[in-house]
Amino acid sequence: MGSGGYNWTQVSRNHWMTSVKRATGFHRNGTNAGSRVCIENSVTGKRGCGAAKW
């Protein structure tokens, strides 16, 4: 999913959750690389991603 002039690569599998806290663990994303979280509502299909963190 491209955004902000960058090409993003998924580094962890998708996780289903129902009103509980979930974590994927930690992933090294290389030198000068950004990370962000993306979610999809399974009922409406609406998707969104958080702001990138460098």
C-alpha atoms as a PDB file:
ATOM      1  CA  MET A   1       0.000   0.000   0.000  1.00  0.00           C
ATOM      2  CA  GLY A   2       1.693   3.217  -1.128  1.00  0.00           C
ATOM      3  CA  SER A   3       1.288   6.400   0.864  1.00  0.00           C
ATOM      4  CA  GLY A   4       3.178   9.638   1.297  1.00  0.00           C
ATOM      5  CA  GLY A   5       5.518   8.835  -1.582  1.00  0.00           C
ATOM      6  CA  TYR A   6       6.669   5.589   0.039  1.00  0.00           C
ATOM      7  CA  ASN A   7       6.005   1.947  -0.780  1.00  0.00           C
ATOM      8  CA  TRP A   8       5.066   0.029   2.355  1.00  0.00           C
ATOM      9  CA  THR A   9       5.819  -3.658   2.953  1.00  0.00           C
ATOM     10  CA  GLN A  10       3.767  -5.813   5.306  1.00  0.00           C
ATOM     11  CA  VAL A  11       6.081  -7.368   7.929  1.00  0.00           C
ATOM     12  CA  SER A  12       3.600  -9.303  10.060  1.00  0.00           C
ATOM     13  CA  ARG A  13       0.556 -11.395   9.353  1.00  0.00           C
ATOM     14  CA  ASN A  14      -2.977 -10.107   9.779  1.00  0.00           C
ATOM     15  CA  HIS A  15      -4.573 -10.422  13.223  1.00  0.00           C
ATOM     16  CA  TRP A  16      -8.272 -10.687  14.063  1.00  0.00           C
ATOM     17  CA  MET A  17      -9.390  -8.963  17.249  1.00  0.00           C
ATOM     18  CA  THR A  18     -12.657  -8.272  19.015  1.00  0.00           C
ATOM     19  CA  SER A  19     -12.483  -5.384  21.483  1.00  0.00           C
ATOM     20  CA  VAL A  20      -9.301  -6.633  23.126  1.00  0.00           C
ATOM     21  CA  LYS A  21      -5.696  -5.521  23.001  1.00  0.00           C
ATOM     22  CA  ARG A  22      -3.516  -7.414  20.519  1.00  0.00           C
ATOM     23  CA  ALA A  23       0.178  -7.077  19.743  1.00  0.00           C
ATOM     24  CA  THR A  24       2.255  -8.404  16.847  1.00  0.00           C
ATOM     25  CA  GLY A  25       5.617  -8.213  18.587  1.00  0.00           C
ATOM     26  CA  PHE A  26       8.587  -6.186  17.428  1.00  0.00           C
ATOM     27  CA  HIS A  27       9.984  -6.000  13.894  1.00  0.00           C
ATOM     28  CA  ARG A  28      13.238  -4.451  12.753  1.00  0.00           C
ATOM     29  CA  ASN A  29      12.447  -2.181   9.842  1.00  0.00           C
ATOM     30  CA  GLY A  30      15.952  -1.259   8.746  1.00  0.00           C
ATOM     31  CA  THR A  31      17.867   2.009   8.683  1.00  0.00           C
ATOM     32  CA  ASN A  32      15.844   5.178   8.068  1.00  0.00           C
ATOM     33  CA  ALA A  33      12.637   3.166   7.532  1.00  0.00           C
ATOM     34  CA  GLY A  34       9.162   3.953   8.814  1.00  0.00           C
ATOM     35  CA  SER A  35       6.492   1.862  10.487  1.00  0.00           C
ATOM     36  CA  ARG A  36       2.717   2.237  10.725  1.00  0.00           C
ATOM     37  CA  VAL A  37      -0.361   0.288  11.752  1.00  0.00           C
ATOM     38  CA  CYS A  38      -3.226  -0.398   9.346  1.00  0.00           C
ATOM     39  CA  ILE A  39      -6.676  -1.664  10.325  1.00  0.00           C
ATOM     40  CA  GLU A  40      -9.749  -2.865   8.454  1.00  0.00           C
ATOM     41  CA  ASN A  41     -13.295  -3.004   9.829  1.00  0.00           C
ATOM     42  CA  SER A  42     -14.509  -6.523   8.973  1.00  0.00           C
ATOM     43  CA  VAL A  43     -18.155  -5.387   8.945  1.00  0.00           C
ATOM     44  CA  THR A  44     -17.911  -2.277   6.762  1.00  0.00           C
ATOM     45  CA  GLY A  45     -14.686  -3.116   4.885  1.00  0.00           C
ATOM     46  CA  LYS A  46     -13.368   0.388   5.635  1.00  0.00           C
ATOM     47  CA  ARG A  47      -9.551   0.537   5.894  1.00  0.00           C
ATOM     48  CA  GLY A  48      -7.234   3.061   7.491  1.00  0.00           C
ATOM     49  CA  CYS A  49      -3.577   3.434   8.451  1.00  0.00           C
ATOM     50  CA  GLY A  50      -1.974   5.381  11.254  1.00  0.00           C
ATOM     51  CA  ALA A  51       0.708   7.994  10.824  1.00  0.00           C
ATOM     52  CA  ALA A  52       4.213   6.756  10.017  1.00  0.00           C
ATOM     53  CA  LYS A  53       6.813   6.658  12.797  1.00  0.00           C
ATOM     54  CA  TRP A  54      10.508   6.892  11.870  1.00  0.00           C
END
